Amino acid sequence: MNVTVDPSDWDEAEDVVSDAYFPHDLTPVSADSEPNVNVRAMQLGSLRLARIGWGAEVSVGTEHPGGYAVNIPLSGRIESVSAGRDVISDVGKASVFRPDTPAVITRWTADCEILGIKIDRDYLHRELARVLGRPDRRLPDQVDLSTAAGQNWMGLLRSIVRQIRDGEVLWQTPVVAEQLSGALTGAFVLAVLPDAAAAPPRPRIVKRVLDRIDEDPSLAWTASDMAEAAGVSVRRLQEGFREYLGMCPRDYLLDVRLSRIHDDLMAGDPSVTSVTDVALHWGITHTGRFAAAYRRKYGYAPSETLRS
């Protein structure tokens, strides 16, 4: 997606960048300034990459609904405030903004162009659990990309962007997009939290339920069924899941079902002609909510996966 915005219209500039990255409120620092905005954005699995420059000094306010933002200045600087913390990032640094948390970039310099990475909140938490065993690990407000780990991650990012630009990878294929987004996110986690403590053993009550769900997510699981499998109360099971995985048992069950459905749709079996039949096979009974959840997770409709 490449967009050139009418340089006389700040409202259009705000709308286009909101659609490409995060919804926000834009304020030009000088009332007499004119925008000169170029926006390039692409969806890569559970990530959205956006290159944004306003061409004038602005202030931007947003809550980053549903996702983390990693804003990497390629030139210039951004000065921001979020949750009472001040962060100034120029080339070699990246500002990290948490989901659903009010933040203001108080000064985005006229010469500043960023590479922004939008990471779905639930997806990042799952990656933190997968890579570190710690979904509760807190990302820093700023990442130093001048370190060896930071430079290695930036090298991977540039390589993937170059391969996509040059047509060397079929990034629009869902399975490839997910592989690339997983590689970028996992490497980012390791670069940002290199000294993370080893993961503690999974709490037994959580592991029992994870194992049972993974064995057969198609069963008509209820909260009581899961609690019985763990040998604890429903409330205690919910607390254990939130503490260890950052989600409730029902959300985990849905995530597993979505993965199984996605795998079946991607398999290319000629006998599979209906998304609904596959969804029902894996225990989905509300197809409307399923389709919305599938789109949030993969960035496209299940019918598109079946046709790919």
Protein backbone atom coordinates (compact mmCIF):
# COMPACT_ATOMS: atom_id res chain seq x y z
CA MET A 1 0.00 0.00 0.00
CA ASN A 2 1.53 3.30 -1.10
CA VAL A 3 -0.37 6.52 -0.50
CA THR A 4 0.35 10.13 -1.36
CA VAL A 5 -1.82 12.59 0.56
CA ASP A 6 -3.06 15.97 -0.66
CA PRO A 7 -0.55 18.33 1.00
CA SER A 8 -3.24 20.87 1.82
CA ASP A 9 -5.46 18.54 3.85
CA TRP A 10 -4.45 17.51 7.37
CA ASP A 11 -7.77 15.73 7.92
CA GLU A 12 -7.11 13.41 5.02
CA ALA A 13 -3.57 12.84 6.26
CA GLU A 14 -4.94 11.77 9.66
CA ASP A 15 -7.51 9.42 8.11
CA VAL A 16 -5.06 7.72 5.76
CA VAL A 17 -2.42 7.10 8.42
CA SER A 18 -5.11 5.91 10.88
CA ASP A 19 -6.22 3.31 8.34
CA ALA A 20 -2.65 2.26 7.62
CA TYR A 21 -1.42 1.98 11.22
CA PHE A 22 -3.34 3.03 14.37
CA PRO A 23 -6.30 5.39 14.75
CA HIS A 24 -5.07 8.66 16.26
CA ASP A 25 -5.63 12.37 16.76
CA LEU A 26 -3.22 14.51 14.77
CA THR A 27 -2.20 18.08 15.60
CA PRO A 28 0.25 20.04 13.40
CA VAL A 29 2.60 22.04 15.62
CA SER A 30 2.33 25.06 13.32
CA ALA A 31 -1.11 26.08 12.11
CA ASP A 32 0.47 27.33 8.88
CA SER A 33 2.26 24.08 8.06
CA GLU A 34 1.17 21.81 5.22
CA PRO A 35 1.39 18.02 5.21
CA ASN A 36 3.58 16.14 2.78
CA VAL A 37 2.71 12.61 3.79
CA ASN A 38 3.81 9.39 2.20
CA VAL A 39 2.50 6.18 3.74
CA ARG A 40 3.54 2.67 2.88
CA ALA A 41 1.94 -0.18 4.78
CA MET A 42 1.51 -3.93 4.54
CA GLN A 43 -0.05 -6.71 6.59
CA LEU A 44 2.34 -9.57 7.32
CA GLY A 45 0.53 -12.28 9.23
CA SER A 46 -0.14 -10.91 12.71
CA LEU A 47 2.09 -7.89 12.09
CA ARG A 48 1.48 -4.64 10.24
CA LEU A 49 4.48 -2.76 8.91
CA ALA A 50 4.10 0.92 8.10
CA ARG A 51 6.57 3.56 6.96
CA ILE A 52 5.28 7.02 7.85
CA GLY A 53 6.57 10.57 7.52
CA TRP A 54 4.43 13.67 7.87
CA GLY A 55 6.71 16.21 6.21
CA ALA A 56 5.98 18.70 9.00
CA GLU A 57 6.29 18.79 12.78
CA VAL A 58 3.24 17.24 14.43
CA SER A 59 1.86 15.84 17.67
CA VAL A 60 0.02 12.51 17.67
CA GLY A 61 -2.26 11.07 20.36
CA THR A 62 -3.51 7.47 20.40
CA GLU A 63 -4.31 4.53 22.67
CA HIS A 64 -3.00 1.87 20.24
CA PRO A 65 -6.17 -0.25 20.47
CA GLY A 66 -5.55 -3.99 20.47
CA GLY A 67 -1.86 -3.94 19.70
CA TYR A 68 1.69 -2.95 20.60
CA ALA A 69 3.46 -0.31 18.50
CA VAL A 70 7.20 -0.37 17.92
CA ASN A 71 8.13 2.96 16.30
CA ILE A 72 11.62 3.04 14.80
CA PRO A 73 12.87 6.45 13.57
CA LEU A 74 14.76 6.11 10.30
CA SER A 75 15.52 9.84 10.48
CA GLY A 76 14.70 12.66 12.89
CA ARG A 77 13.21 11.99 16.32
CA ILE A 78 10.01 11.33 18.23
CA GLU A 79 9.38 12.53 21.78
CA SER A 80 6.54 10.82 23.62
CA VAL A 81 4.74 10.40 26.92
CA SER A 82 2.88 7.24 27.93
CA ALA A 83 1.72 6.15 31.38
CA GLY A 84 3.68 9.04 32.88
CA ARG A 85 6.97 8.02 31.24
CA ASP A 86 8.92 10.28 28.85
CA VAL A 87 10.79 8.65 25.97
CA ILE A 88 12.90 10.32 23.28
CA SER A 89 13.91 8.15 20.35
CA ASP A 90 16.06 9.04 17.38
CA VAL A 91 17.95 6.86 14.90
CA GLY A 92 19.24 3.75 16.67
CA LYS A 93 16.38 3.67 19.19
CA ALA A 94 12.76 2.53 19.08
CA SER A 95 9.82 3.64 21.20
CA VAL A 96 7.46 0.90 22.40
CA PHE A 97 3.81 1.69 23.11
CA ARG A 98 1.49 -0.68 24.94
CA PRO A 99 -2.01 -1.58 23.75
CA ASP A 100 -5.05 0.30 25.02
CA THR A 101 -2.88 2.78 26.91
CA PRO A 102 -3.15 6.54 26.26
CA ALA A 103 0.03 7.89 24.70
CA VAL A 104 1.06 11.14 23.06
CA ILE A 105 3.94 11.70 20.69
CA THR A 106 4.39 15.29 21.78
CA ARG A 107 6.93 16.05 19.07
CA TRP A 108 7.37 14.24 15.78
CA THR A 109 10.00 16.29 14.00
CA ALA A 110 9.48 17.43 10.42
CA ASP A 111 12.43 15.34 9.21
CA CYS A 112 11.32 12.21 11.04
CA GLU A 113 10.22 9.12 9.17
CA ILE A 114 9.47 5.97 11.13
CA LEU A 115 9.14 2.31 10.43
CA GLY A 116 6.25 1.30 12.64
CA ILE A 117 5.46 -2.28 13.58
CA LYS A 118 2.00 -3.06 14.91
CA ILE A 119 1.90 -6.36 16.82
CA ASP A 120 -1.43 -7.86 17.84
CA ARG A 121 -1.58 -7.95 21.64
CA ASP A 122 -2.69 -11.57 22.05
CA TYR A 123 -0.24 -12.74 19.41
CA LEU A 124 2.69 -11.09 21.18
CA HIS A 125 1.66 -12.55 24.53
CA ARG A 126 1.55 -16.02 22.97
CA GLU A 127 5.01 -15.48 21.50
CA LEU A 128 6.32 -14.35 24.90
CA ALA A 129 4.96 -17.58 26.37
CA ARG A 130 6.35 -19.68 23.53
CA VAL A 131 9.82 -18.09 23.40
CA LEU A 132 10.40 -17.24 27.06
CA GLY A 133 7.71 -19.20 28.87
CA ARG A 134 6.70 -15.86 30.39
CA PRO A 135 3.66 -14.16 28.82
CA ASP A 136 3.74 -11.66 31.68
CA ARG A 137 7.15 -10.23 30.71
CA ARG A 138 6.89 -6.47 30.26
CA LEU A 139 8.45 -4.89 27.21
CA PRO A 140 10.66 -1.86 27.86
CA ASP A 141 9.47 1.61 26.85
CA GLN A 142 12.47 1.94 24.56
CA VAL A 143 14.66 -0.51 22.65
CA ASP A 144 18.32 0.18 21.92
CA LEU A 145 18.85 -1.00 18.35
CA SER A 146 22.55 -0.15 18.39
CA THR A 147 23.35 -3.27 20.43
CA ALA A 148 24.47 -6.45 18.70
CA ALA A 149 21.06 -8.05 19.36
CA GLY A 150 19.26 -4.94 18.12
CA GLN A 151 21.36 -4.74 14.96
CA ASN A 152 20.81 -8.43 14.24
CA TRP A 153 17.05 -7.97 14.53
CA MET A 154 17.12 -4.89 12.31
CA GLY A 155 19.16 -6.87 9.80
CA LEU A 156 16.48 -9.58 9.75
CA LEU A 157 13.75 -6.95 9.38
CA ARG A 158 15.53 -5.23 6.48
CA SER A 159 16.19 -8.57 4.80
CA ILE A 160 12.54 -9.59 4.95
CA VAL A 161 11.35 -6.19 3.71
CA ARG A 162 13.87 -6.34 0.83
CA GLN A 163 12.81 -9.85 -0.16
CA ILE A 164 9.17 -8.79 -0.14
CA ARG A 165 9.92 -5.64 -2.15
CA ASP A 166 11.93 -7.58 -4.73
CA GLY A 167 9.34 -10.33 -5.00
CA GLU A 168 11.69 -13.00 -3.67
CA VAL A 169 9.12 -14.37 -1.21
CA LEU A 170 5.41 -15.05 -1.69
CA TRP A 171 4.54 -13.04 1.42
CA GLN A 172 0.86 -12.80 0.46
CA THR A 173 0.53 -16.55 0.88
CA PRO A 174 -0.95 -16.99 4.38
CA VAL A 175 1.43 -19.72 5.53
CA VAL A 176 4.49 -17.74 4.39
CA ALA A 177 3.20 -14.54 5.98
CA GLU A 178 2.71 -16.34 9.30
CA GLN A 179 6.20 -17.84 9.13
CA LEU A 180 7.77 -14.44 8.46
CA SER A 181 5.77 -12.68 11.18
CA GLY A 182 6.66 -15.45 13.63
CA ALA A 183 10.36 -15.16 12.80
CA LEU A 184 10.32 -11.38 13.23
CA THR A 185 8.34 -11.46 16.46
CA GLY A 186 10.36 -14.25 18.05
CA ALA A 187 13.63 -12.52 17.16
CA PHE A 188 12.27 -9.24 18.53
CA VAL A 189 11.39 -10.87 21.85
CA LEU A 190 14.89 -12.33 22.18
CA ALA A 191 16.52 -9.02 21.20
CA VAL A 192 14.45 -6.97 23.64
CA LEU A 193 14.57 -9.41 26.56
CA PRO A 194 17.88 -11.29 26.11
CA ASP A 195 18.41 -11.84 29.81
CA ALA A 196 14.94 -13.18 30.57
CA ALA A 197 14.93 -15.80 33.28
CA ALA A 198 14.34 -19.37 32.25
CA ALA A 199 10.69 -20.31 32.22
CA PRO A 200 9.41 -21.88 35.40
CA PRO A 201 7.62 -25.21 35.08
CA ARG A 202 4.03 -24.85 33.97
CA PRO A 203 1.61 -24.92 36.90
CA ARG A 204 0.20 -28.42 37.05
CA ILE A 205 -3.41 -27.28 36.93
CA VAL A 206 -2.74 -25.34 33.73
CA LYS A 207 -0.68 -28.07 32.06
CA ARG A 208 -3.38 -30.69 32.62
CA VAL A 209 -5.95 -28.61 30.80
CA LEU A 210 -3.57 -27.56 28.02
CA ASP A 211 -2.74 -31.20 27.36
CA ARG A 212 -6.39 -32.26 27.35
CA ILE A 213 -7.44 -29.44 25.03
CA ASP A 214 -4.55 -30.08 22.66
CA GLU A 215 -5.51 -33.77 22.52
CA ASP A 216 -9.04 -33.00 21.32
CA PRO A 217 -10.13 -29.36 21.01
CA SER A 218 -13.25 -30.48 19.12
CA LEU A 219 -14.95 -31.67 22.31
CA ALA A 220 -17.80 -29.51 23.61
CA TRP A 221 -15.64 -28.10 26.38
CA THR A 222 -17.29 -26.08 29.13
CA ALA A 223 -15.61 -24.14 31.92
CA SER A 224 -16.74 -26.86 34.33
CA ASP A 225 -15.24 -29.59 32.15
CA MET A 226 -11.89 -27.82 32.15
CA ALA A 227 -11.97 -27.23 35.90
CA GLU A 228 -12.82 -30.89 36.48
CA ALA A 229 -9.86 -31.96 34.30
CA ALA A 230 -7.60 -29.77 36.42
CA GLY A 231 -9.13 -30.82 39.72
CA VAL A 232 -9.79 -27.24 40.84
CA SER A 233 -12.62 -24.72 40.82
CA VAL A 234 -13.51 -22.76 37.70
CA ARG A 235 -12.33 -19.57 39.35
CA ARG A 236 -8.98 -21.04 40.36
CA LEU A 237 -8.46 -22.40 36.84
CA GLN A 238 -9.20 -18.99 35.33
CA GLU A 239 -6.72 -17.37 37.71
CA GLY A 240 -4.04 -19.92 36.73
CA PHE A 241 -4.56 -19.34 33.03
CA ARG A 242 -4.44 -15.56 33.38
CA GLU A 243 -1.31 -15.75 35.53
CA TYR A 244 0.56 -18.10 33.21
CA LEU A 245 -0.86 -17.48 29.73
CA GLY A 246 -2.40 -14.04 30.02
CA MET A 247 -5.77 -15.30 28.76
CA CYS A 248 -8.78 -17.24 30.00
CA PRO A 249 -9.29 -20.96 29.24
CA ARG A 250 -12.04 -20.25 26.68
CA ASP A 251 -9.75 -17.93 24.72
CA TYR A 252 -7.02 -20.57 24.69
CA LEU A 253 -9.50 -23.20 23.46
CA LEU A 254 -10.64 -20.87 20.67
CA ASP A 255 -7.04 -20.17 19.68
CA VAL A 256 -6.28 -23.90 19.39
CA ARG A 257 -9.44 -24.48 17.37
CA LEU A 258 -8.57 -21.61 15.03
CA SER A 259 -5.11 -23.11 14.47
CA ARG A 260 -6.56 -26.55 13.65
CA ILE A 261 -9.11 -25.02 11.28
CA HIS A 262 -6.40 -22.94 9.61
CA ASP A 263 -4.23 -26.04 9.13
CA ASP A 264 -7.12 -27.97 7.56
CA LEU A 265 -8.02 -25.12 5.22
CA MET A 266 -4.38 -24.71 4.20
CA ALA A 267 -3.91 -28.44 3.53
CA GLY A 268 -5.50 -28.20 0.09
CA ASP A 269 -7.58 -31.37 0.52
CA PRO A 270 -10.00 -31.37 -2.47
CA SER A 271 -12.69 -32.97 -0.28
CA VAL A 272 -12.75 -29.82 1.88
CA THR A 273 -15.22 -27.49 0.18
CA SER A 274 -16.90 -25.74 3.12
CA VAL A 275 -15.41 -23.56 5.83
CA THR A 276 -18.47 -24.19 7.97
CA ASP A 277 -17.98 -27.97 7.87
CA VAL A 278 -14.35 -27.61 8.99
CA ALA A 279 -15.32 -25.20 11.75
CA LEU A 280 -18.06 -27.51 13.02
CA HIS A 281 -15.65 -30.45 12.98
CA TRP A 282 -13.41 -28.58 15.44
CA GLY A 283 -16.21 -27.65 17.81
CA ILE A 284 -17.16 -24.19 16.53
CA THR A 285 -20.91 -23.60 16.79
CA HIS A 286 -21.19 -19.84 16.25
CA THR A 287 -19.85 -19.26 12.75
CA GLY A 288 -20.24 -15.48 12.85
CA ARG A 289 -18.03 -15.01 15.90
CA PHE A 290 -15.65 -17.64 14.52
CA ALA A 291 -15.16 -15.73 11.26
CA ALA A 292 -14.44 -12.49 13.14
CA ALA A 293 -11.95 -14.23 15.47
CA TYR A 294 -10.25 -15.94 12.52
CA ARG A 295 -9.81 -12.61 10.73
CA ARG A 296 -8.32 -11.02 13.87
CA LYS A 297 -5.83 -13.86 14.22
CA TYR A 298 -4.76 -14.27 10.59
CA GLY A 299 -5.69 -10.97 8.97
CA TYR A 300 -8.03 -12.46 6.35
CA ALA A 301 -11.28 -14.42 6.13
CA PRO A 302 -11.30 -18.25 6.43
CA SER A 303 -12.84 -18.45 2.94
CA GLU A 304 -9.70 -16.75 1.56
CA THR A 305 -7.55 -19.45 3.16
CA LEU A 306 -9.66 -22.17 1.55
CA ARG A 307 -9.24 -20.57 -1.89
CA SER A 308 -5.47 -19.96 -1.55
